[in-house]
N, C-alpha and C. Protein backbone atom coordinates (compact mmCIF):
# COMPACT_ATOMS: atom_id res chain seq x y z
N MET A 1 0.58 7.82 -2.01
CA MET A 1 0.39 7.98 -0.60
C MET A 1 0.57 9.42 -0.17
N GLY A 2 1.45 10.09 -0.85
CA GLY A 2 1.65 11.48 -0.47
C GLY A 2 2.52 11.58 0.75
N THR A 3 3.07 12.75 0.98
CA THR A 3 3.92 12.96 2.13
C THR A 3 3.07 13.07 3.38
N LEU A 4 3.42 12.31 4.41
CA LEU A 4 2.65 12.32 5.65
C LEU A 4 3.07 13.47 6.55
N ALA A 5 2.10 14.06 7.22
CA ALA A 5 2.40 15.05 8.25
C ALA A 5 2.61 14.27 9.55
N LEU A 6 3.85 13.93 9.83
CA LEU A 6 4.16 13.03 10.93
C LEU A 6 4.22 13.75 12.27
N ASP A 7 3.82 13.03 13.32
CA ASP A 7 3.94 13.56 14.66
C ASP A 7 5.38 13.42 15.15
N THR A 8 5.75 14.23 16.10
CA THR A 8 7.10 14.14 16.65
C THR A 8 7.18 13.09 17.75
N GLN A 9 6.04 12.66 18.26
CA GLN A 9 6.03 11.69 19.34
C GLN A 9 6.16 10.27 18.79
N LYS A 10 6.75 9.40 19.58
CA LYS A 10 6.92 8.02 19.18
C LYS A 10 5.63 7.24 19.41
N ALA A 11 5.47 6.18 18.62
CA ALA A 11 4.27 5.36 18.76
C ALA A 11 4.41 4.48 20.00
N SER A 12 3.29 4.25 20.65
CA SER A 12 3.30 3.38 21.82
C SER A 12 3.16 1.93 21.36
N PRO A 13 3.59 0.98 22.20
CA PRO A 13 3.47 -0.44 21.84
C PRO A 13 2.04 -0.86 21.52
N ASP A 14 1.07 -0.19 22.13
CA ASP A 14 -0.34 -0.53 21.90
C ASP A 14 -0.74 -0.29 20.44
N ILE A 15 -0.11 0.69 19.81
CA ILE A 15 -0.42 0.98 18.41
C ILE A 15 -0.04 -0.21 17.53
N TYR A 16 1.11 -0.81 17.81
CA TYR A 16 1.54 -1.96 17.01
C TYR A 16 0.56 -3.12 17.15
N ILE A 17 0.01 -3.28 18.35
CA ILE A 17 -0.98 -4.34 18.56
C ILE A 17 -2.27 -4.03 17.83
N SER A 18 -2.72 -2.77 17.91
CA SER A 18 -3.98 -2.39 17.27
C SER A 18 -3.90 -2.48 15.74
N LEU A 19 -2.71 -2.30 15.19
CA LEU A 19 -2.54 -2.40 13.74
C LEU A 19 -2.34 -3.83 13.27
N GLY A 20 -2.18 -4.75 14.23
CA GLY A 20 -1.96 -6.15 13.86
C GLY A 20 -0.52 -6.45 13.53
N LEU A 21 0.39 -5.57 13.96
CA LEU A 21 1.82 -5.78 13.69
C LEU A 21 2.47 -6.62 14.79
N LYS A 22 1.78 -6.73 15.91
CA LYS A 22 2.31 -7.48 17.05
C LYS A 22 1.15 -8.13 17.77
N ALA A 23 1.21 -9.43 17.93
CA ALA A 23 0.13 -10.16 18.59
C ALA A 23 0.33 -10.15 20.10
N MET A 24 -0.79 -10.21 20.83
CA MET A 24 -0.73 -10.30 22.29
C MET A 24 -0.60 -11.76 22.68
N GLY A 25 0.48 -12.10 23.37
CA GLY A 25 0.70 -13.48 23.76
C GLY A 25 0.89 -14.36 22.54
N LYS A 26 0.13 -15.45 22.47
CA LYS A 26 0.22 -16.37 21.34
C LYS A 26 -1.03 -16.29 20.48
N ARG A 27 -1.78 -15.19 20.62
CA ARG A 27 -3.02 -15.05 19.86
C ARG A 27 -2.73 -14.86 18.38
N VAL A 28 -3.48 -15.56 17.53
CA VAL A 28 -3.32 -15.41 16.09
C VAL A 28 -4.07 -14.15 15.65
N ILE A 29 -3.38 -13.27 14.95
CA ILE A 29 -3.98 -11.98 14.62
C ILE A 29 -4.84 -12.02 13.36
N GLY A 30 -4.73 -13.08 12.56
CA GLY A 30 -5.50 -13.15 11.32
C GLY A 30 -5.08 -12.09 10.34
N VAL A 31 -6.05 -11.47 9.66
CA VAL A 31 -5.74 -10.39 8.72
C VAL A 31 -5.50 -9.12 9.53
N PRO A 32 -4.31 -8.55 9.48
CA PRO A 32 -3.99 -7.37 10.30
C PRO A 32 -4.76 -6.13 9.87
N PRO A 33 -5.24 -5.34 10.80
CA PRO A 33 -5.99 -4.11 10.48
C PRO A 33 -5.19 -3.13 9.64
N VAL A 34 -3.87 -3.23 9.70
CA VAL A 34 -3.04 -2.29 8.93
C VAL A 34 -3.34 -2.36 7.44
N LEU A 35 -3.81 -3.50 6.96
CA LEU A 35 -4.10 -3.65 5.53
C LEU A 35 -5.26 -2.77 5.11
N SER A 36 -6.35 -2.81 5.88
CA SER A 36 -7.51 -2.00 5.53
C SER A 36 -7.23 -0.51 5.72
N LEU A 37 -6.45 -0.17 6.74
CA LEU A 37 -6.12 1.23 6.99
C LEU A 37 -5.25 1.79 5.87
N LEU A 38 -4.29 1.00 5.43
CA LEU A 38 -3.44 1.43 4.33
C LEU A 38 -4.25 1.56 3.05
N SER A 39 -5.16 0.62 2.84
CA SER A 39 -6.03 0.67 1.65
C SER A 39 -6.86 1.94 1.63
N THR A 40 -7.44 2.28 2.79
CA THR A 40 -8.26 3.49 2.89
C THR A 40 -7.44 4.73 2.60
N LEU A 41 -6.24 4.79 3.16
CA LEU A 41 -5.37 5.95 2.94
C LEU A 41 -5.00 6.07 1.47
N LEU A 42 -4.70 4.97 0.84
CA LEU A 42 -4.34 4.97 -0.58
C LEU A 42 -5.51 5.40 -1.45
N GLU A 43 -6.68 4.86 -1.18
CA GLU A 43 -7.86 5.21 -1.97
C GLU A 43 -8.18 6.69 -1.87
N ARG A 44 -8.09 7.23 -0.67
CA ARG A 44 -8.37 8.66 -0.47
C ARG A 44 -7.33 9.52 -1.18
N THR A 45 -6.07 9.10 -1.14
CA THR A 45 -5.01 9.85 -1.80
C THR A 45 -5.18 9.83 -3.31
N VAL A 46 -5.47 8.65 -3.86
CA VAL A 46 -5.68 8.51 -5.30
C VAL A 46 -6.85 9.37 -5.76
N GLN A 47 -7.96 9.31 -5.02
CA GLN A 47 -9.13 10.10 -5.38
C GLN A 47 -8.83 11.60 -5.35
N ARG A 48 -8.12 12.02 -4.32
CA ARG A 48 -7.77 13.44 -4.20
C ARG A 48 -6.85 13.89 -5.32
N ASN A 49 -5.83 13.08 -5.63
CA ASN A 49 -4.89 13.44 -6.69
C ASN A 49 -5.56 13.50 -8.06
N GLU A 50 -6.40 12.53 -8.34
CA GLU A 50 -7.06 12.51 -9.65
C GLU A 50 -8.04 13.66 -9.81
N THR A 51 -8.68 14.05 -8.71
CA THR A 51 -9.58 15.20 -8.75
C THR A 51 -8.80 16.48 -9.03
N LEU A 52 -7.66 16.63 -8.38
CA LEU A 52 -6.83 17.82 -8.59
C LEU A 52 -6.28 17.89 -10.01
N LEU A 53 -5.84 16.74 -10.53
CA LEU A 53 -5.31 16.70 -11.89
C LEU A 53 -6.39 17.06 -12.91
N GLU A 54 -7.61 16.57 -12.65
CA GLU A 54 -8.72 16.86 -13.56
C GLU A 54 -9.13 18.33 -13.49
N GLU A 55 -9.18 18.86 -12.28
CA GLU A 55 -9.59 20.26 -12.12
C GLU A 55 -8.57 21.22 -12.74
N LYS A 56 -7.29 20.86 -12.65
CA LYS A 56 -6.25 21.73 -13.18
C LYS A 56 -5.95 21.45 -14.66
N HIS A 57 -6.60 20.40 -15.20
CA HIS A 57 -6.41 20.03 -16.61
C HIS A 57 -4.94 19.78 -16.93
N VAL A 58 -4.28 19.04 -16.05
CA VAL A 58 -2.88 18.68 -16.27
C VAL A 58 -2.75 17.17 -16.26
N GLU A 59 -1.71 16.68 -16.91
CA GLU A 59 -1.45 15.25 -16.95
C GLU A 59 -0.32 14.91 -15.99
N ASP A 60 -0.44 13.76 -15.37
CA ASP A 60 0.59 13.32 -14.44
C ASP A 60 1.84 12.90 -15.19
N VAL A 61 2.97 12.95 -14.50
CA VAL A 61 4.23 12.50 -15.10
C VAL A 61 4.15 10.99 -15.31
N VAL A 62 4.39 10.54 -16.53
CA VAL A 62 4.29 9.11 -16.86
C VAL A 62 5.61 8.41 -16.55
N THR A 63 5.53 7.31 -15.82
CA THR A 63 6.71 6.53 -15.47
C THR A 63 6.49 5.06 -15.86
N LEU A 64 7.48 4.22 -15.55
CA LEU A 64 7.35 2.79 -15.80
C LEU A 64 6.19 2.17 -15.01
N PHE A 65 5.78 2.84 -13.96
CA PHE A 65 4.74 2.31 -13.07
C PHE A 65 3.33 2.60 -13.57
N HIS A 66 3.22 3.36 -14.64
CA HIS A 66 1.90 3.72 -15.16
C HIS A 66 1.39 2.67 -16.16
N GLY A 67 0.13 2.29 -16.01
CA GLY A 67 -0.52 1.40 -16.95
C GLY A 67 -1.37 2.20 -17.93
N LEU A 68 -1.84 1.56 -18.96
CA LEU A 68 -2.68 2.23 -19.96
C LEU A 68 -4.06 2.52 -19.41
N ARG A 69 -4.52 1.70 -18.48
CA ARG A 69 -5.82 1.90 -17.86
C ARG A 69 -5.77 1.35 -16.44
N ALA A 70 -6.70 1.79 -15.63
CA ALA A 70 -6.73 1.36 -14.24
C ALA A 70 -7.13 -0.11 -14.13
N PRO A 71 -6.47 -0.88 -13.30
CA PRO A 71 -6.83 -2.29 -13.09
C PRO A 71 -8.25 -2.42 -12.54
N THR A 72 -8.88 -3.53 -12.83
CA THR A 72 -10.24 -3.77 -12.33
C THR A 72 -10.24 -4.16 -10.87
N LEU A 73 -9.13 -4.70 -10.38
CA LEU A 73 -9.04 -5.11 -8.99
C LEU A 73 -8.81 -3.89 -8.11
N SER A 74 -9.65 -3.71 -7.11
CA SER A 74 -9.55 -2.54 -6.23
C SER A 74 -8.29 -2.58 -5.40
N ILE A 75 -7.93 -1.45 -4.83
CA ILE A 75 -6.74 -1.37 -3.98
C ILE A 75 -6.86 -2.30 -2.76
N PRO A 76 -7.99 -2.30 -2.03
CA PRO A 76 -8.10 -3.22 -0.89
C PRO A 76 -7.94 -4.69 -1.27
N LYS A 77 -8.57 -5.09 -2.36
CA LYS A 77 -8.48 -6.49 -2.79
C LYS A 77 -7.06 -6.82 -3.26
N TYR A 78 -6.39 -5.85 -3.87
CA TYR A 78 -5.03 -6.08 -4.34
C TYR A 78 -4.08 -6.26 -3.15
N ILE A 79 -4.23 -5.42 -2.14
CA ILE A 79 -3.40 -5.53 -0.95
C ILE A 79 -3.68 -6.84 -0.21
N ASP A 80 -4.95 -7.22 -0.10
CA ASP A 80 -5.31 -8.48 0.53
C ASP A 80 -4.70 -9.66 -0.23
N ARG A 81 -4.71 -9.55 -1.54
CA ARG A 81 -4.16 -10.61 -2.39
C ARG A 81 -2.66 -10.78 -2.14
N ILE A 82 -1.96 -9.66 -2.09
CA ILE A 82 -0.51 -9.72 -1.86
C ILE A 82 -0.22 -10.34 -0.50
N PHE A 83 -0.97 -9.93 0.52
CA PHE A 83 -0.76 -10.47 1.86
C PHE A 83 -1.06 -11.98 1.89
N LYS A 84 -2.13 -12.37 1.23
CA LYS A 84 -2.55 -13.77 1.23
C LYS A 84 -1.52 -14.69 0.58
N TYR A 85 -0.98 -14.28 -0.55
CA TYR A 85 -0.11 -15.17 -1.31
C TYR A 85 1.39 -14.96 -1.05
N SER A 86 1.78 -13.78 -0.57
CA SER A 86 3.21 -13.55 -0.35
C SER A 86 3.68 -14.08 1.00
N GLY A 87 2.77 -14.06 1.99
CA GLY A 87 3.15 -14.53 3.31
C GLY A 87 4.13 -13.62 4.02
N CYS A 88 4.28 -12.39 3.53
CA CYS A 88 5.22 -11.47 4.17
C CYS A 88 4.65 -10.94 5.47
N SER A 89 5.50 -10.48 6.35
CA SER A 89 5.05 -9.97 7.65
C SER A 89 4.25 -8.68 7.48
N PRO A 90 3.29 -8.42 8.36
CA PRO A 90 2.49 -7.19 8.27
C PRO A 90 3.34 -5.92 8.28
N SER A 91 4.48 -5.96 8.96
CA SER A 91 5.35 -4.79 9.03
C SER A 91 5.84 -4.37 7.66
N CYS A 92 5.91 -5.33 6.73
CA CYS A 92 6.37 -5.01 5.37
C CYS A 92 5.47 -3.99 4.69
N PHE A 93 4.19 -3.99 5.03
CA PHE A 93 3.26 -3.06 4.40
C PHE A 93 3.49 -1.63 4.90
N VAL A 94 3.88 -1.49 6.16
CA VAL A 94 4.22 -0.17 6.68
C VAL A 94 5.53 0.31 6.05
N VAL A 95 6.50 -0.58 5.96
CA VAL A 95 7.79 -0.22 5.35
C VAL A 95 7.61 0.12 3.88
N ALA A 96 6.78 -0.64 3.18
CA ALA A 96 6.49 -0.35 1.78
C ALA A 96 5.84 1.02 1.64
N HIS A 97 4.97 1.34 2.58
CA HIS A 97 4.32 2.65 2.64
C HIS A 97 5.37 3.77 2.72
N ILE A 98 6.37 3.56 3.56
CA ILE A 98 7.46 4.52 3.71
C ILE A 98 8.27 4.63 2.43
N TYR A 99 8.54 3.48 1.80
CA TYR A 99 9.31 3.48 0.55
C TYR A 99 8.59 4.26 -0.55
N VAL A 100 7.29 4.06 -0.68
CA VAL A 100 6.54 4.76 -1.72
C VAL A 100 6.53 6.26 -1.45
N ASP A 101 6.44 6.63 -0.19
CA ASP A 101 6.53 8.05 0.16
C ASP A 101 7.87 8.62 -0.31
N ARG A 102 8.93 7.88 -0.10
CA ARG A 102 10.25 8.33 -0.53
C ARG A 102 10.33 8.44 -2.05
N PHE A 103 9.69 7.51 -2.72
CA PHE A 103 9.67 7.53 -4.19
C PHE A 103 8.95 8.79 -4.68
N LEU A 104 7.80 9.08 -4.10
CA LEU A 104 7.00 10.23 -4.53
C LEU A 104 7.70 11.54 -4.19
N GLN A 105 8.42 11.57 -3.08
CA GLN A 105 9.13 12.78 -2.68
C GLN A 105 10.28 13.10 -3.62
N GLN A 106 10.83 12.06 -4.27
CA GLN A 106 11.96 12.25 -5.17
C GLN A 106 11.54 12.50 -6.61
N SER A 107 10.25 12.61 -6.86
CA SER A 107 9.76 12.80 -8.22
C SER A 107 8.55 13.72 -8.21
N GLU A 108 8.05 14.03 -9.39
CA GLU A 108 6.86 14.86 -9.52
C GLU A 108 5.62 13.99 -9.76
N VAL A 109 5.75 12.72 -9.51
CA VAL A 109 4.68 11.77 -9.75
C VAL A 109 3.60 11.88 -8.66
N LYS A 110 2.35 11.76 -9.09
CA LYS A 110 1.22 11.71 -8.17
C LYS A 110 0.69 10.28 -8.13
N LEU A 111 0.26 9.87 -6.97
CA LEU A 111 -0.31 8.54 -6.83
C LEU A 111 -1.70 8.52 -7.46
N THR A 112 -1.90 7.69 -8.48
CA THR A 112 -3.19 7.59 -9.17
C THR A 112 -3.55 6.13 -9.37
N SER A 113 -4.73 5.90 -9.93
CA SER A 113 -5.18 4.53 -10.19
C SER A 113 -4.36 3.86 -11.28
N LEU A 114 -3.58 4.64 -12.03
CA LEU A 114 -2.76 4.08 -13.11
C LEU A 114 -1.41 3.56 -12.62
N ASN A 115 -0.97 4.01 -11.44
CA ASN A 115 0.36 3.58 -10.98
C ASN A 115 0.38 2.94 -9.60
N VAL A 116 -0.71 3.05 -8.84
CA VAL A 116 -0.68 2.60 -7.45
C VAL A 116 -0.44 1.10 -7.31
N HIS A 117 -1.00 0.29 -8.21
CA HIS A 117 -0.84 -1.16 -8.09
C HIS A 117 0.61 -1.60 -8.33
N ARG A 118 1.23 -1.05 -9.34
CA ARG A 118 2.63 -1.40 -9.62
C ARG A 118 3.56 -0.91 -8.51
N LEU A 119 3.27 0.27 -7.99
CA LEU A 119 4.09 0.77 -6.88
C LEU A 119 3.93 -0.11 -5.65
N LEU A 120 2.73 -0.61 -5.44
CA LEU A 120 2.48 -1.48 -4.29
C LEU A 120 3.23 -2.80 -4.39
N ILE A 121 3.08 -3.51 -5.50
CA ILE A 121 3.71 -4.82 -5.62
C ILE A 121 5.22 -4.70 -5.57
N THR A 122 5.76 -3.62 -6.14
CA THR A 122 7.20 -3.42 -6.15
C THR A 122 7.72 -3.09 -4.76
N SER A 123 7.09 -2.14 -4.10
CA SER A 123 7.57 -1.71 -2.78
C SER A 123 7.40 -2.80 -1.72
N ILE A 124 6.31 -3.55 -1.79
CA ILE A 124 6.09 -4.62 -0.82
C ILE A 124 7.11 -5.74 -1.03
N MET A 125 7.39 -6.06 -2.27
CA MET A 125 8.40 -7.09 -2.55
C MET A 125 9.76 -6.66 -2.02
N ILE A 126 10.13 -5.42 -2.25
CA ILE A 126 11.42 -4.91 -1.78
C ILE A 126 11.46 -4.92 -0.25
N ALA A 127 10.35 -4.50 0.37
CA ALA A 127 10.28 -4.49 1.84
C ALA A 127 10.43 -5.90 2.41
N ALA A 128 9.82 -6.88 1.76
CA ALA A 128 9.91 -8.27 2.22
C ALA A 128 11.36 -8.77 2.13
N LYS A 129 12.03 -8.40 1.05
CA LYS A 129 13.43 -8.81 0.90
C LYS A 129 14.30 -8.19 1.98
N PHE A 130 13.98 -6.97 2.33
CA PHE A 130 14.80 -6.24 3.31
C PHE A 130 14.45 -6.61 4.75
N MET A 131 13.18 -6.93 5.01
CA MET A 131 12.70 -7.13 6.38
C MET A 131 12.64 -8.59 6.82
N ASP A 132 12.16 -9.46 5.93
CA ASP A 132 11.86 -10.83 6.33
C ASP A 132 13.04 -11.78 6.11
N ASP A 133 13.10 -12.80 6.94
CA ASP A 133 14.15 -13.81 6.82
C ASP A 133 13.93 -14.69 5.59
N ALA A 134 12.67 -14.92 5.25
CA ALA A 134 12.33 -15.75 4.09
C ALA A 134 11.34 -15.00 3.22
N PHE A 135 11.53 -15.09 1.90
CA PHE A 135 10.64 -14.39 0.98
C PHE A 135 10.67 -15.09 -0.38
N PHE A 136 9.64 -14.83 -1.19
CA PHE A 136 9.56 -15.41 -2.52
C PHE A 136 10.39 -14.58 -3.50
N ASN A 137 10.69 -15.20 -4.64
CA ASN A 137 11.48 -14.50 -5.65
C ASN A 137 10.61 -13.60 -6.52
N ASN A 138 11.27 -12.88 -7.43
CA ASN A 138 10.56 -11.92 -8.28
C ASN A 138 9.51 -12.57 -9.16
N ALA A 139 9.81 -13.78 -9.65
CA ALA A 139 8.87 -14.47 -10.53
C ALA A 139 7.55 -14.75 -9.82
N TYR A 140 7.65 -15.13 -8.55
CA TYR A 140 6.44 -15.41 -7.77
C TYR A 140 5.66 -14.13 -7.52
N TYR A 141 6.35 -13.06 -7.11
CA TYR A 141 5.67 -11.79 -6.87
C TYR A 141 5.04 -11.24 -8.14
N ALA A 142 5.69 -11.46 -9.27
CA ALA A 142 5.13 -11.00 -10.54
C ALA A 142 3.82 -11.71 -10.83
N LYS A 143 3.77 -13.01 -10.53
CA LYS A 143 2.54 -13.77 -10.74
C LYS A 143 1.43 -13.27 -9.82
N VAL A 144 1.77 -13.01 -8.56
CA VAL A 144 0.79 -12.48 -7.62
C VAL A 144 0.30 -11.11 -8.06
N GLY A 145 1.23 -10.28 -8.56
CA GLY A 145 0.88 -8.92 -8.95
C GLY A 145 0.23 -8.79 -10.31
N GLY A 146 0.25 -9.86 -11.10
CA GLY A 146 -0.39 -9.82 -12.40
C GLY A 146 0.43 -9.17 -13.48
N ILE A 147 1.76 -9.18 -13.34
CA ILE A 147 2.64 -8.63 -14.36
C ILE A 147 3.71 -9.67 -14.68
N SER A 148 4.50 -9.40 -15.72
CA SER A 148 5.55 -10.34 -16.09
C SER A 148 6.76 -10.17 -15.18
N THR A 149 7.57 -11.21 -15.10
CA THR A 149 8.78 -11.15 -14.28
C THR A 149 9.73 -10.09 -14.83
N THR A 150 9.83 -10.01 -16.15
CA THR A 150 10.70 -9.01 -16.77
C THR A 150 10.29 -7.60 -16.38
N GLU A 151 8.98 -7.35 -16.39
CA GLU A 151 8.50 -6.02 -16.02
C GLU A 151 8.78 -5.72 -14.56
N LEU A 152 8.53 -6.69 -13.69
CA LEU A 152 8.77 -6.46 -12.27
C LEU A 152 10.25 -6.22 -11.99
N ASN A 153 11.12 -6.92 -12.71
CA ASN A 153 12.56 -6.68 -12.56
C ASN A 153 12.91 -5.24 -12.90
N ARG A 154 12.32 -4.72 -13.97
CA ARG A 154 12.57 -3.33 -14.38
C ARG A 154 12.02 -2.36 -13.34
N LEU A 155 10.83 -2.66 -12.85
CA LEU A 155 10.21 -1.79 -11.85
C LEU A 155 11.04 -1.74 -10.58
N GLU A 156 11.55 -2.90 -10.18
CA GLU A 156 12.35 -2.96 -8.96
C GLU A 156 13.61 -2.10 -9.08
N MET A 157 14.31 -2.20 -10.19
CA MET A 157 15.54 -1.43 -10.37
C MET A 157 15.23 0.06 -10.46
N ASN A 158 14.17 0.42 -11.17
CA ASN A 158 13.78 1.82 -11.28
C ASN A 158 13.42 2.39 -9.92
N PHE A 159 12.69 1.62 -9.14
CA PHE A 159 12.27 2.06 -7.81
C PHE A 159 13.48 2.27 -6.91
N LEU A 160 14.39 1.31 -6.90
CA LEU A 160 15.56 1.38 -6.03
C LEU A 160 16.44 2.58 -6.36
N PHE A 161 16.65 2.82 -7.65
CA PHE A 161 17.47 3.98 -8.04
C PHE A 161 16.75 5.28 -7.72
N SER A 162 15.42 5.28 -7.82
CA SER A 162 14.65 6.49 -7.55
C SER A 162 14.74 6.92 -6.08
N ILE A 163 14.85 5.94 -5.19
CA ILE A 163 14.95 6.27 -3.76
C ILE A 163 16.41 6.19 -3.29
N ASP A 164 17.34 6.11 -4.25
CA ASP A 164 18.78 6.06 -3.94
C ASP A 164 19.12 4.90 -3.01
N PHE A 165 18.39 3.80 -3.17
CA PHE A 165 18.61 2.59 -2.38
C PHE A 165 18.50 2.85 -0.88
N ARG A 166 17.72 3.83 -0.49
CA ARG A 166 17.51 4.15 0.94
C ARG A 166 16.45 3.22 1.50
N LEU A 167 16.87 2.04 1.92
CA LEU A 167 15.94 1.03 2.42
C LEU A 167 15.88 0.97 3.94
N GLN A 168 16.86 1.55 4.59
CA GLN A 168 16.87 1.53 6.05
C GLN A 168 15.75 2.41 6.60
N VAL A 169 15.00 1.88 7.55
CA VAL A 169 13.93 2.63 8.21
C VAL A 169 14.17 2.59 9.71
N SER A 170 14.30 3.74 10.33
CA SER A 170 14.54 3.80 11.77
C SER A 170 13.28 3.43 12.54
N ILE A 171 13.47 3.02 13.78
CA ILE A 171 12.33 2.68 14.64
C ILE A 171 11.44 3.90 14.84
N ASP A 172 12.05 5.07 14.93
CA ASP A 172 11.30 6.30 15.15
C ASP A 172 10.39 6.60 13.96
N ILE A 173 10.92 6.50 12.73
CA ILE A 173 10.13 6.75 11.53
C ILE A 173 9.03 5.71 11.39
N PHE A 174 9.37 4.46 11.65
CA PHE A 174 8.36 3.38 11.58
C PHE A 174 7.22 3.68 12.54
N GLY A 175 7.55 4.09 13.76
CA GLY A 175 6.53 4.39 14.75
C GLY A 175 5.65 5.56 14.35
N LYS A 176 6.25 6.56 13.72
CA LYS A 176 5.49 7.74 13.30
C LYS A 176 4.49 7.38 12.20
N TYR A 177 4.89 6.53 11.29
CA TYR A 177 3.97 6.10 10.23
C TYR A 177 2.85 5.25 10.80
N CYS A 178 3.16 4.45 11.81
CA CYS A 178 2.12 3.65 12.47
C CYS A 178 1.12 4.56 13.16
N SER A 179 1.61 5.63 13.78
CA SER A 179 0.72 6.59 14.44
C SER A 179 -0.21 7.23 13.43
N GLN A 180 0.32 7.54 12.24
CA GLN A 180 -0.50 8.14 11.21
C GLN A 180 -1.59 7.19 10.74
N LEU A 181 -1.26 5.91 10.62
CA LEU A 181 -2.25 4.92 10.20
C LEU A 181 -3.33 4.74 11.26
N GLU A 182 -2.95 4.82 12.52
CA GLU A 182 -3.95 4.72 13.59
C GLU A 182 -4.89 5.91 13.53
N LYS A 183 -4.37 7.08 13.21
CA LYS A 183 -5.23 8.26 13.06
C LYS A 183 -6.19 8.06 11.89
N GLU A 184 -5.72 7.36 10.86
CA GLU A 184 -6.56 7.05 9.72
C GLU A 184 -7.76 6.23 10.16
N ALA A 185 -7.55 5.33 11.11
CA ALA A 185 -8.64 4.50 11.62
C ALA A 185 -9.68 5.36 12.33
N ALA A 186 -9.20 6.33 13.12
CA ALA A 186 -10.12 7.21 13.85
C ALA A 186 -10.93 8.07 12.89
N GLU A 187 -10.27 8.58 11.84
CA GLU A 187 -10.96 9.42 10.86
C GLU A 187 -11.98 8.61 10.08
N ALA A 188 -11.62 7.37 9.73
CA ALA A 188 -12.55 6.51 9.00
C ALA A 188 -13.78 6.20 9.83
N LEU A 189 -13.59 6.03 11.15
CA LEU A 189 -14.71 5.74 12.03
C LEU A 189 -15.65 6.94 12.12
N GLU A 190 -15.10 8.14 12.12
CA GLU A 190 -15.91 9.35 12.17
C GLU A 190 -16.78 9.49 10.93
N VAL A 191 -16.27 9.04 9.79
CA VAL A 191 -17.02 9.09 8.54
C VAL A 191 -18.07 7.99 8.49
N GLU A 192 -17.71 6.81 9.03
CA GLU A 192 -18.59 5.65 8.97
C GLU A 192 -19.82 5.80 9.85
N ARG A 193 -19.69 6.45 10.99
CA ARG A 193 -20.81 6.56 11.92
C ARG A 193 -22.03 7.26 11.33
N PRO A 194 -21.86 8.44 10.69
CA PRO A 194 -23.05 9.07 10.10
C PRO A 194 -23.64 8.28 8.95
N ILE A 195 -22.78 7.54 8.23
CA ILE A 195 -23.28 6.69 7.14
C ILE A 195 -24.16 5.58 7.70
N GLN A 196 -23.70 4.98 8.81
CA GLN A 196 -24.49 3.92 9.43
C GLN A 196 -25.79 4.49 10.01
N ALA A 197 -25.73 5.71 10.51
CA ALA A 197 -26.92 6.34 11.07
C ALA A 197 -27.99 6.55 10.01
N CYS A 198 -27.53 6.84 8.78
CA CYS A 198 -28.46 7.05 7.66
C CYS A 198 -28.85 5.74 6.99
N ARG A 199 -28.24 4.62 7.47
CA ARG A 199 -28.51 3.28 6.92
C ARG A 199 -28.19 3.21 5.44
N ILE A 200 -27.08 3.81 5.06
CA ILE A 200 -26.63 3.76 3.68
C ILE A 200 -25.78 2.51 3.51
N LYS A 201 -26.10 1.72 2.52
CA LYS A 201 -25.35 0.50 2.25
C LYS A 201 -24.74 0.58 0.85
N GLU A 202 -23.59 -0.06 0.72
CA GLU A 202 -22.89 -0.04 -0.55
C GLU A 202 -22.62 -1.48 -0.99
N SER A 203 -22.79 -1.75 -2.26
CA SER A 203 -22.58 -3.10 -2.77
C SER A 203 -21.14 -3.29 -3.20
N TRP A 204 -20.59 -4.42 -2.83
CA TRP A 204 -19.20 -4.72 -3.20
C TRP A 204 -19.18 -6.07 -3.92
N SER A 205 -18.24 -6.21 -4.78
CA SER A 205 -18.09 -7.46 -5.52
C SER A 205 -17.40 -8.49 -4.64
N ASN A 206 -17.93 -9.71 -4.64
CA ASN A 206 -17.33 -10.79 -3.87
C ASN A 206 -16.70 -11.84 -4.79
N LYS A 207 -16.27 -11.39 -5.93
CA LYS A 207 -15.67 -12.31 -6.89
C LYS A 207 -14.44 -12.98 -6.30
N ASP A 208 -14.38 -14.27 -6.44
CA ASP A 208 -13.27 -15.03 -5.87
C ASP A 208 -11.98 -14.73 -6.62
N ASP A 209 -10.89 -14.53 -5.88
CA ASP A 209 -9.60 -14.26 -6.51
C ASP A 209 -8.57 -15.28 -6.03
N SER A 210 -9.03 -16.52 -5.87
CA SER A 210 -8.18 -17.54 -5.29
C SER A 210 -7.06 -17.99 -6.22
N THR A 211 -7.12 -17.64 -7.50
CA THR A 211 -6.07 -18.03 -8.42
C THR A 211 -5.23 -16.82 -8.78
N CYS A 212 -3.98 -17.08 -9.12
CA CYS A 212 -3.05 -15.98 -9.45
C CYS A 212 -3.22 -15.56 -10.89
N ALA A 213 -4.35 -14.92 -11.19
CA ALA A 213 -4.62 -14.44 -12.56
C ALA A 213 -4.08 -13.03 -12.72
N SER A 214 -3.98 -12.58 -13.98
CA SER A 214 -3.47 -11.24 -14.24
C SER A 214 -4.45 -10.20 -13.72
N THR A 215 -3.91 -9.20 -12.98
CA THR A 215 -4.77 -8.20 -12.37
C THR A 215 -4.43 -6.78 -12.81
N ILE A 216 -3.27 -6.59 -13.43
CA ILE A 216 -2.87 -5.25 -13.83
C ILE A 216 -2.91 -5.11 -15.33
N ALA A 217 -3.58 -4.07 -15.79
CA ALA A 217 -3.69 -3.83 -17.23
C ALA A 217 -2.35 -3.41 -17.79
N ARG A 218 -1.98 -3.99 -18.88
CA ARG A 218 -0.70 -3.65 -19.50
C ARG A 218 -0.83 -2.35 -20.28
């Protein structure tokens, strides 16, 4: 995810509604927009980091979160999968975003296609444990994430020690990250408009992922 250039101003309540973190009245929000915005930010960060590593001919620092090869499941589909099967609150994805930032700030690791999936499943699981009243255990999250329970247990402990167990997130920091994600939506729209004007279409796979099959390459 990289370190965010955060604004000093607090997020307005409208931002929480636009991200799908807070519903208006009793309206069902469905799939919250924060998922696609976070996916876009992650994909852009991964692409930028891998380009820089390739141009500089350097290798990233290898950690427990690195796989031998990039998973076939895309970042957006992986995040959608976690949301679908974990049932965690949308706010957990923002908190997980903050946790991963803290992890990256405490190390020389770059977010790449080799580590982003493991960092996601680990940080979201930890966020759910810290934020939600009810949550699934590690074995369930491991099945959703496509890794073994033993591996997820190791990843969780490594992650927690790496961020010095700093799980508390202030309202101010949470709001600032939400503001950054809303800006991501505006930037994505600016890019999408000229593409639509040129009538450029892109093909995406619609392969069903309704079963908890393995998604991360060992």
